[in-house]
Amino acid sequence: MKRISHGMYATLFGVVHLALGVNLMLAVVASPFIALLVTTDPSLSWPLLALAAIPAGAGIAAAFGTFREHASGERSVFRTFIRQLRATGLKALALSCAVVTAVVVAAVDVFVLVPTGAGAVLAPLLVVIALLAVAVGFVGLTALTEDPSARLRDVIRISLLLAVRRLPFTLASFAVIGVQAAVVVAAPALGIGVTAAACLYVVWAGARHTLQPALKPVEA
């Protein structure tokens, strides 16, 4: 029987350390959102959940930055997460606020318009707008980890353009997010404590591929 090499053990340990460390740090940053999610009825507490989701966006950006540095050889998880949170936190909060606002407004409008005659026409459009906002959020948070000095206006514009142009990556990310949401609903402890980092890693990888046209250096 072929023995597993020391390098393989080190790689596996690094992956587990990354996943558990990111999950822990995300749980700390997103603790208000998680507390509301598991202790209240989301159908009644959704305004507070929306507010609590805004700082969670900064945690997601820090997680994406941690994945990026880990792929470049960085093995520290906690220090890297905190460093990324400091580097991207303010802009990530602003982007997260814009995304949450767009999703909430679209969702409320859908519920208001569905019983009316205009609902059949406008509701699908509003759903698309909400989904685009979420896509821009994930791609934009990834862009901020690539260039924390980028202007937020440029990040949103480029993220919207590329999320639509490279639709397969966007749809794949939504599929992964859907699976993660189902896991969280069925088993919150498993979804929050174990699979969250894996889900975000896949979304980050897809968003980074989406951003490739903007990340390529301009040839002289």
C-alpha atoms as a PDB file:
ATOM      1  CA  MET A   1       0.000   0.000   0.000  1.00  0.00           C
ATOM      2  CA  LYS A   2       1.367   3.369  -1.001  1.00  0.00           C
ATOM      3  CA  ARG A   3       2.013   5.629   1.970  1.00  0.00           C
ATOM      4  CA  ILE A   4       0.687   9.176   2.026  1.00  0.00           C
ATOM      5  CA  SER A   5       3.580  11.612   1.803  1.00  0.00           C
ATOM      6  CA  HIS A   6       4.360  14.239   4.424  1.00  0.00           C
ATOM      7  CA  GLY A   7       3.638  16.915   1.816  1.00  0.00           C
ATOM      8  CA  MET A   8       0.134  15.550   1.308  1.00  0.00           C
ATOM      9  CA  TYR A   9      -0.513  15.645   5.053  1.00  0.00           C
ATOM     10  CA  ALA A  10       0.749  19.233   5.188  1.00  0.00           C
ATOM     11  CA  THR A  11      -1.528  20.223   2.300  1.00  0.00           C
ATOM     12  CA  LEU A  12      -4.566  18.602   3.894  1.00  0.00           C
ATOM     13  CA  PHE A  13      -3.795  20.238   7.227  1.00  0.00           C
ATOM     14  CA  GLY A  14      -3.435  23.607   5.498  1.00  0.00           C
ATOM     15  CA  VAL A  15      -6.804  23.263   3.765  1.00  0.00           C
ATOM     16  CA  VAL A  16      -8.555  22.234   6.988  1.00  0.00           C
ATOM     17  CA  HIS A  17      -6.853  25.060   8.896  1.00  0.00           C
ATOM     18  CA  LEU A  18      -7.925  27.552   6.234  1.00  0.00           C
ATOM     19  CA  ALA A  19     -11.544  26.362   6.218  1.00  0.00           C
ATOM     20  CA  LEU A  20     -11.956  26.253   9.989  1.00  0.00           C
ATOM     21  CA  GLY A  21     -10.134  29.541  10.510  1.00  0.00           C
ATOM     22  CA  VAL A  22     -12.194  31.384   7.906  1.00  0.00           C
ATOM     23  CA  ASN A  23     -15.417  29.886   9.284  1.00  0.00           C
ATOM     24  CA  LEU A  24     -14.515  31.054  12.786  1.00  0.00           C
ATOM     25  CA  MET A  25     -13.602  34.582  11.732  1.00  0.00           C
ATOM     26  CA  LEU A  26     -16.701  34.869   9.561  1.00  0.00           C
ATOM     27  CA  ALA A  27     -18.853  33.735  12.466  1.00  0.00           C
ATOM     28  CA  VAL A  28     -17.344  36.478  14.628  1.00  0.00           C
ATOM     29  CA  VAL A  29     -17.834  39.240  12.049  1.00  0.00           C
ATOM     30  CA  ALA A  30     -21.310  38.054  11.086  1.00  0.00           C
ATOM     31  CA  SER A  31     -22.402  37.149  14.618  1.00  0.00           C
ATOM     32  CA  PRO A  32     -25.346  39.633  14.686  1.00  0.00           C
ATOM     33  CA  PHE A  33     -26.710  38.190  11.438  1.00  0.00           C
ATOM     34  CA  ILE A  34     -26.217  34.597  12.601  1.00  0.00           C
ATOM     35  CA  ALA A  35     -27.836  35.298  15.979  1.00  0.00           C
ATOM     36  CA  LEU A  36     -30.904  36.806  14.329  1.00  0.00           C
ATOM     37  CA  LEU A  37     -31.092  34.005  11.787  1.00  0.00           C
ATOM     38  CA  VAL A  38     -31.168  31.220  14.370  1.00  0.00           C
ATOM     39  CA  THR A  39     -33.229  32.942  17.079  1.00  0.00           C
ATOM     40  CA  THR A  40     -35.943  34.784  15.140  1.00  0.00           C
ATOM     41  CA  ASP A  41     -38.474  34.180  12.403  1.00  0.00           C
ATOM     42  CA  PRO A  42     -36.857  35.615   9.234  1.00  0.00           C
ATOM     43  CA  SER A  43     -40.280  36.461   7.811  1.00  0.00           C
ATOM     44  CA  LEU A  44     -40.775  38.858  10.725  1.00  0.00           C
ATOM     45  CA  SER A  45     -37.219  39.988  11.453  1.00  0.00           C
ATOM     46  CA  TRP A  46     -36.099  40.555   7.845  1.00  0.00           C
ATOM     47  CA  PRO A  47     -35.475  44.323   8.316  1.00  0.00           C
ATOM     48  CA  LEU A  48     -33.011  43.575  11.121  1.00  0.00           C
ATOM     49  CA  LEU A  49     -31.529  40.702   9.116  1.00  0.00           C
ATOM     50  CA  ALA A  50     -30.944  43.070   6.212  1.00  0.00           C
ATOM     51  CA  LEU A  51     -29.121  45.535   8.473  1.00  0.00           C
ATOM     52  CA  ALA A  52     -27.073  42.759  10.050  1.00  0.00           C
ATOM     53  CA  ALA A  53     -26.092  41.434   6.603  1.00  0.00           C
ATOM     54  CA  ILE A  54     -24.166  44.623   5.818  1.00  0.00           C
ATOM     55  CA  PRO A  55     -21.164  43.979   8.124  1.00  0.00           C
ATOM     56  CA  ALA A  56     -21.259  40.332   7.009  1.00  0.00           C
ATOM     57  CA  GLY A  57     -20.254  41.631   3.569  1.00  0.00           C
ATOM     58  CA  ALA A  58     -17.016  42.993   5.013  1.00  0.00           C
ATOM     59  CA  GLY A  59     -16.331  39.568   6.479  1.00  0.00           C
ATOM     60  CA  ILE A  60     -16.898  37.929   3.102  1.00  0.00           C
ATOM     61  CA  ALA A  61     -14.420  40.341   1.491  1.00  0.00           C
ATOM     62  CA  ALA A  62     -11.858  39.484   4.179  1.00  0.00           C
ATOM     63  CA  ALA A  63     -12.478  35.782   3.532  1.00  0.00           C
ATOM     64  CA  PHE A  64     -11.913  36.313  -0.199  1.00  0.00           C
ATOM     65  CA  GLY A  65      -8.673  38.160   0.552  1.00  0.00           C
ATOM     66  CA  THR A  66      -7.570  35.330   2.823  1.00  0.00           C
ATOM     67  CA  PHE A  67      -8.220  32.806   0.046  1.00  0.00           C
ATOM     68  CA  ARG A  68      -6.195  34.957  -2.349  1.00  0.00           C
ATOM     69  CA  GLU A  69      -3.186  35.180  -0.034  1.00  0.00           C
ATOM     70  CA  HIS A  70      -3.403  31.487   0.832  1.00  0.00           C
ATOM     71  CA  ALA A  71      -3.242  30.666  -2.873  1.00  0.00           C
ATOM     72  CA  SER A  72      -0.084  32.802  -3.034  1.00  0.00           C
ATOM     73  CA  GLY A  73       1.582  30.824  -0.245  1.00  0.00           C
ATOM     74  CA  GLU A  74       0.461  32.615   2.923  1.00  0.00           C
ATOM     75  CA  ARG A  75      -0.291  30.085   5.657  1.00  0.00           C
ATOM     76  CA  SER A  76      -1.511  32.372   8.434  1.00  0.00           C
ATOM     77  CA  VAL A  77      -5.316  32.551   8.467  1.00  0.00           C
ATOM     78  CA  PHE A  78      -6.285  34.740  11.402  1.00  0.00           C
ATOM     79  CA  ARG A  79      -3.684  37.469  10.857  1.00  0.00           C
ATOM     80  CA  THR A  80      -4.416  37.481   7.143  1.00  0.00           C
ATOM     81  CA  PHE A  81      -8.162  37.749   7.704  1.00  0.00           C
ATOM     82  CA  ILE A  82      -7.712  40.700  10.069  1.00  0.00           C
ATOM     83  CA  ARG A  83      -5.283  42.376   7.671  1.00  0.00           C
ATOM     84  CA  GLN A  84      -7.741  41.972   4.798  1.00  0.00           C
ATOM     85  CA  LEU A  85     -10.582  43.264   6.960  1.00  0.00           C
ATOM     86  CA  ARG A  86      -8.606  46.429   7.627  1.00  0.00           C
ATOM     87  CA  ALA A  87      -7.622  46.850   3.978  1.00  0.00           C
ATOM     88  CA  THR A  88     -11.052  46.370   2.419  1.00  0.00           C
ATOM     89  CA  GLY A  89     -13.473  46.876   5.313  1.00  0.00           C
ATOM     90  CA  LEU A  90     -14.815  50.374   4.610  1.00  0.00           C
ATOM     91  CA  LYS A  91     -15.333  49.891   0.884  1.00  0.00           C
ATOM     92  CA  ALA A  92     -16.725  46.395   1.452  1.00  0.00           C
ATOM     93  CA  LEU A  93     -19.242  47.860   3.905  1.00  0.00           C
ATOM     94  CA  ALA A  94     -20.278  50.489   1.360  1.00  0.00           C
ATOM     95  CA  LEU A  95     -20.661  47.890  -1.396  1.00  0.00           C
ATOM     96  CA  SER A  96     -22.527  45.536   0.923  1.00  0.00           C
ATOM     97  CA  CYS A  97     -24.878  48.355   1.933  1.00  0.00           C
ATOM     98  CA  ALA A  98     -25.617  49.130  -1.722  1.00  0.00           C
ATOM     99  CA  VAL A  99     -26.286  45.468  -2.519  1.00  0.00           C
ATOM    100  CA  VAL A 100     -28.522  44.914   0.504  1.00  0.00           C
ATOM    101  CA  THR A 101     -30.469  48.090  -0.264  1.00  0.00           C
ATOM    102  CA  ALA A 102     -31.030  47.046  -3.880  1.00  0.00           C
ATOM    103  CA  VAL A 103     -32.156  43.543  -2.885  1.00  0.00           C
ATOM    104  CA  VAL A 104     -34.501  44.790  -0.141  1.00  0.00           C
ATOM    105  CA  VAL A 105     -36.097  47.434  -2.367  1.00  0.00           C
ATOM    106  CA  ALA A 106     -36.585  44.930  -5.185  1.00  0.00           C
ATOM    107  CA  ALA A 107     -38.012  42.282  -2.836  1.00  0.00           C
ATOM    108  CA  VAL A 108     -40.449  44.694  -1.200  1.00  0.00           C
ATOM    109  CA  ASP A 109     -41.584  45.957  -4.591  1.00  0.00           C
ATOM    110  CA  VAL A 110     -42.174  42.380  -5.760  1.00  0.00           C
ATOM    111  CA  PHE A 111     -44.434  41.633  -2.791  1.00  0.00           C
ATOM    112  CA  VAL A 112     -46.299  44.892  -3.311  1.00  0.00           C
ATOM    113  CA  LEU A 113     -46.728  44.441  -7.066  1.00  0.00           C
ATOM    114  CA  VAL A 114     -47.539  40.729  -7.238  1.00  0.00           C
ATOM    115  CA  PRO A 115     -51.244  41.203  -6.308  1.00  0.00           C
ATOM    116  CA  THR A 116     -51.605  43.984  -8.893  1.00  0.00           C
ATOM    117  CA  GLY A 117     -51.897  43.811 -12.654  1.00  0.00           C
ATOM    118  CA  ALA A 118     -48.425  45.283 -13.102  1.00  0.00           C
ATOM    119  CA  GLY A 119     -46.884  42.512 -11.039  1.00  0.00           C
ATOM    120  CA  ALA A 120     -46.791  40.004 -13.886  1.00  0.00           C
ATOM    121  CA  VAL A 121     -44.659  42.395 -15.919  1.00  0.00           C
ATOM    122  CA  LEU A 122     -42.494  44.087 -13.297  1.00  0.00           C
ATOM    123  CA  ALA A 123     -41.941  41.289 -10.769  1.00  0.00           C
ATOM    124  CA  PRO A 124     -39.609  39.223 -13.030  1.00  0.00           C
ATOM    125  CA  LEU A 125     -37.612  42.363 -13.821  1.00  0.00           C
ATOM    126  CA  LEU A 126     -37.243  43.157 -10.121  1.00  0.00           C
ATOM    127  CA  VAL A 127     -36.098  39.608  -9.394  1.00  0.00           C
ATOM    128  CA  VAL A 128     -33.437  39.933 -12.093  1.00  0.00           C
ATOM    129  CA  ILE A 129     -32.311  43.251 -10.595  1.00  0.00           C
ATOM    130  CA  ALA A 130     -31.980  41.645  -7.151  1.00  0.00           C
ATOM    131  CA  LEU A 131     -29.963  38.736  -8.566  1.00  0.00           C
ATOM    132  CA  LEU A 132     -27.695  41.108 -10.477  1.00  0.00           C
ATOM    133  CA  ALA A 133     -27.128  43.084  -7.291  1.00  0.00           C
ATOM    134  CA  VAL A 134     -26.021  39.914  -5.496  1.00  0.00           C
ATOM    135  CA  ALA A 135     -23.744  38.967  -8.403  1.00  0.00           C
ATOM    136  CA  VAL A 136     -22.201  42.438  -8.423  1.00  0.00           C
ATOM    137  CA  GLY A 137     -21.688  42.105  -4.677  1.00  0.00           C
ATOM    138  CA  PHE A 138     -19.641  38.912  -4.865  1.00  0.00           C
ATOM    139  CA  VAL A 139     -17.644  39.973  -7.917  1.00  0.00           C
ATOM    140  CA  GLY A 140     -17.128  43.440  -6.454  1.00  0.00           C
ATOM    141  CA  LEU A 141     -15.920  42.122  -3.100  1.00  0.00           C
ATOM    142  CA  THR A 142     -13.452  39.941  -4.980  1.00  0.00           C
ATOM    143  CA  ALA A 143     -12.294  42.947  -6.992  1.00  0.00           C
ATOM    144  CA  LEU A 144     -11.663  44.895  -3.789  1.00  0.00           C
ATOM    145  CA  THR A 145      -9.334  42.146  -2.550  1.00  0.00           C
ATOM    146  CA  GLU A 146      -7.417  42.377  -5.829  1.00  0.00           C
ATOM    147  CA  ASP A 147      -7.116  46.177  -5.644  1.00  0.00           C
ATOM    148  CA  PRO A 148      -8.233  47.748  -2.340  1.00  0.00           C
ATOM    149  CA  SER A 149      -7.418  51.212  -3.721  1.00  0.00           C
ATOM    150  CA  ALA A 150      -9.897  50.915  -6.613  1.00  0.00           C
ATOM    151  CA  ARG A 151     -12.742  53.411  -6.667  1.00  0.00           C
ATOM    152  CA  LEU A 152     -16.009  51.854  -5.601  1.00  0.00           C
ATOM    153  CA  ARG A 153     -17.826  53.332  -8.602  1.00  0.00           C
ATOM    154  CA  ASP A 154     -15.393  51.609 -10.966  1.00  0.00           C
ATOM    155  CA  VAL A 155     -15.655  48.341  -9.039  1.00  0.00           C
ATOM    156  CA  ILE A 156     -19.449  48.315  -9.336  1.00  0.00           C
ATOM    157  CA  ARG A 157     -19.392  49.207 -13.033  1.00  0.00           C
ATOM    158  CA  ILE A 158     -16.818  46.578 -13.978  1.00  0.00           C
ATOM    159  CA  SER A 159     -18.420  43.934 -11.759  1.00  0.00           C
ATOM    160  CA  LEU A 160     -21.841  44.467 -13.337  1.00  0.00           C
ATOM    161  CA  LEU A 161     -20.428  44.322 -16.855  1.00  0.00           C
ATOM    162  CA  LEU A 162     -18.378  41.174 -16.292  1.00  0.00           C
ATOM    163  CA  ALA A 163     -21.020  39.376 -14.207  1.00  0.00           C
ATOM    164  CA  VAL A 164     -23.377  39.662 -17.177  1.00  0.00           C
ATOM    165  CA  ARG A 165     -20.760  39.020 -19.855  1.00  0.00           C
ATOM    166  CA  ARG A 166     -19.385  35.918 -18.117  1.00  0.00           C
ATOM    167  CA  LEU A 167     -22.780  34.555 -17.163  1.00  0.00           C
ATOM    168  CA  PRO A 168     -21.788  30.861 -16.743  1.00  0.00           C
ATOM    169  CA  PHE A 169     -19.524  31.727 -13.805  1.00  0.00           C
ATOM    170  CA  THR A 170     -22.289  33.841 -12.285  1.00  0.00           C
ATOM    171  CA  LEU A 171     -24.855  31.046 -12.622  1.00  0.00           C
ATOM    172  CA  ALA A 172     -22.419  28.536 -11.132  1.00  0.00           C
ATOM    173  CA  SER A 173     -21.939  30.797  -8.118  1.00  0.00           C
ATOM    174  CA  PHE A 174     -25.689  31.079  -7.649  1.00  0.00           C
ATOM    175  CA  ALA A 175     -25.981  27.285  -7.754  1.00  0.00           C
ATOM    176  CA  VAL A 176     -23.360  26.937  -5.021  1.00  0.00           C
ATOM    177  CA  ILE A 177     -25.016  29.662  -2.939  1.00  0.00           C
ATOM    178  CA  GLY A 178     -28.349  27.888  -3.330  1.00  0.00           C
ATOM    179  CA  VAL A 179     -26.889  24.615  -2.052  1.00  0.00           C
ATOM    180  CA  GLN A 180     -25.278  26.420   0.880  1.00  0.00           C
ATOM    181  CA  ALA A 181     -28.567  28.138   1.731  1.00  0.00           C
ATOM    182  CA  ALA A 182     -30.306  24.755   1.754  1.00  0.00           C
ATOM    183  CA  VAL A 183     -27.629  23.355   4.082  1.00  0.00           C
ATOM    184  CA  VAL A 184     -27.977  26.311   6.464  1.00  0.00           C
ATOM    185  CA  VAL A 185     -31.768  25.899   6.572  1.00  0.00           C
ATOM    186  CA  ALA A 186     -31.536  22.146   7.177  1.00  0.00           C
ATOM    187  CA  ALA A 187     -28.567  22.178   9.566  1.00  0.00           C
ATOM    188  CA  PRO A 188     -27.470  25.687  10.661  1.00  0.00           C
ATOM    189  CA  ALA A 189     -24.473  24.450  12.664  1.00  0.00           C
ATOM    190  CA  LEU A 190     -23.142  22.470   9.691  1.00  0.00           C
ATOM    191  CA  GLY A 191     -23.761  25.277   7.217  1.00  0.00           C
ATOM    192  CA  ILE A 192     -22.214  28.006   9.352  1.00  0.00           C
ATOM    193  CA  GLY A 193     -19.428  26.070  11.014  1.00  0.00           C
ATOM    194  CA  VAL A 194     -18.269  23.679   8.302  1.00  0.00           C
ATOM    195  CA  THR A 195     -19.414  24.358   4.740  1.00  0.00           C
ATOM    196  CA  ALA A 196     -19.466  28.179   4.655  1.00  0.00           C
ATOM    197  CA  ALA A 197     -15.774  28.513   3.792  1.00  0.00           C
ATOM    198  CA  ALA A 198     -15.987  25.871   1.062  1.00  0.00           C
ATOM    199  CA  CYS A 199     -18.984  27.628  -0.496  1.00  0.00           C
ATOM    200  CA  LEU A 200     -17.289  31.032  -0.382  1.00  0.00           C
ATOM    201  CA  TYR A 201     -14.082  29.582  -1.822  1.00  0.00           C
ATOM    202  CA  VAL A 202     -15.953  28.301  -4.871  1.00  0.00           C
ATOM    203  CA  VAL A 203     -17.763  31.636  -5.255  1.00  0.00           C
ATOM    204  CA  TRP A 204     -14.461  33.521  -4.903  1.00  0.00           C
ATOM    205  CA  ALA A 205     -12.772  31.324  -7.499  1.00  0.00           C
ATOM    206  CA  GLY A 206     -15.642  31.877  -9.927  1.00  0.00           C
ATOM    207  CA  ALA A 207     -15.661  35.628  -9.299  1.00  0.00           C
ATOM    208  CA  ARG A 208     -11.903  35.795  -9.844  1.00  0.00           C
ATOM    209  CA  HIS A 209     -12.297  34.026 -13.179  1.00  0.00           C
ATOM    210  CA  THR A 210     -15.064  36.487 -14.005  1.00  0.00           C
ATOM    211  CA  LEU A 211     -12.671  39.364 -13.302  1.00  0.00           C
ATOM    212  CA  GLN A 212      -9.821  37.987 -15.424  1.00  0.00           C
ATOM    213  CA  PRO A 213     -10.386  40.427 -18.336  1.00  0.00           C
ATOM    214  CA  ALA A 214     -10.040  43.339 -15.920  1.00  0.00           C
ATOM    215  CA  LEU A 215      -7.078  41.828 -14.044  1.00  0.00           C
ATOM    216  CA  LYS A 216      -4.914  41.154 -17.096  1.00  0.00           C
ATOM    217  CA  PRO A 217      -2.097  43.695 -17.389  1.00  0.00           C
ATOM    218  CA  VAL A 218      -2.396  46.099 -20.294  1.00  0.00           C
ATOM    219  CA  GLU A 219       0.263  45.413 -22.909  1.00  0.00           C
ATOM    220  CA  ALA A 220       2.403  48.336 -23.961  1.00  0.00           C
END
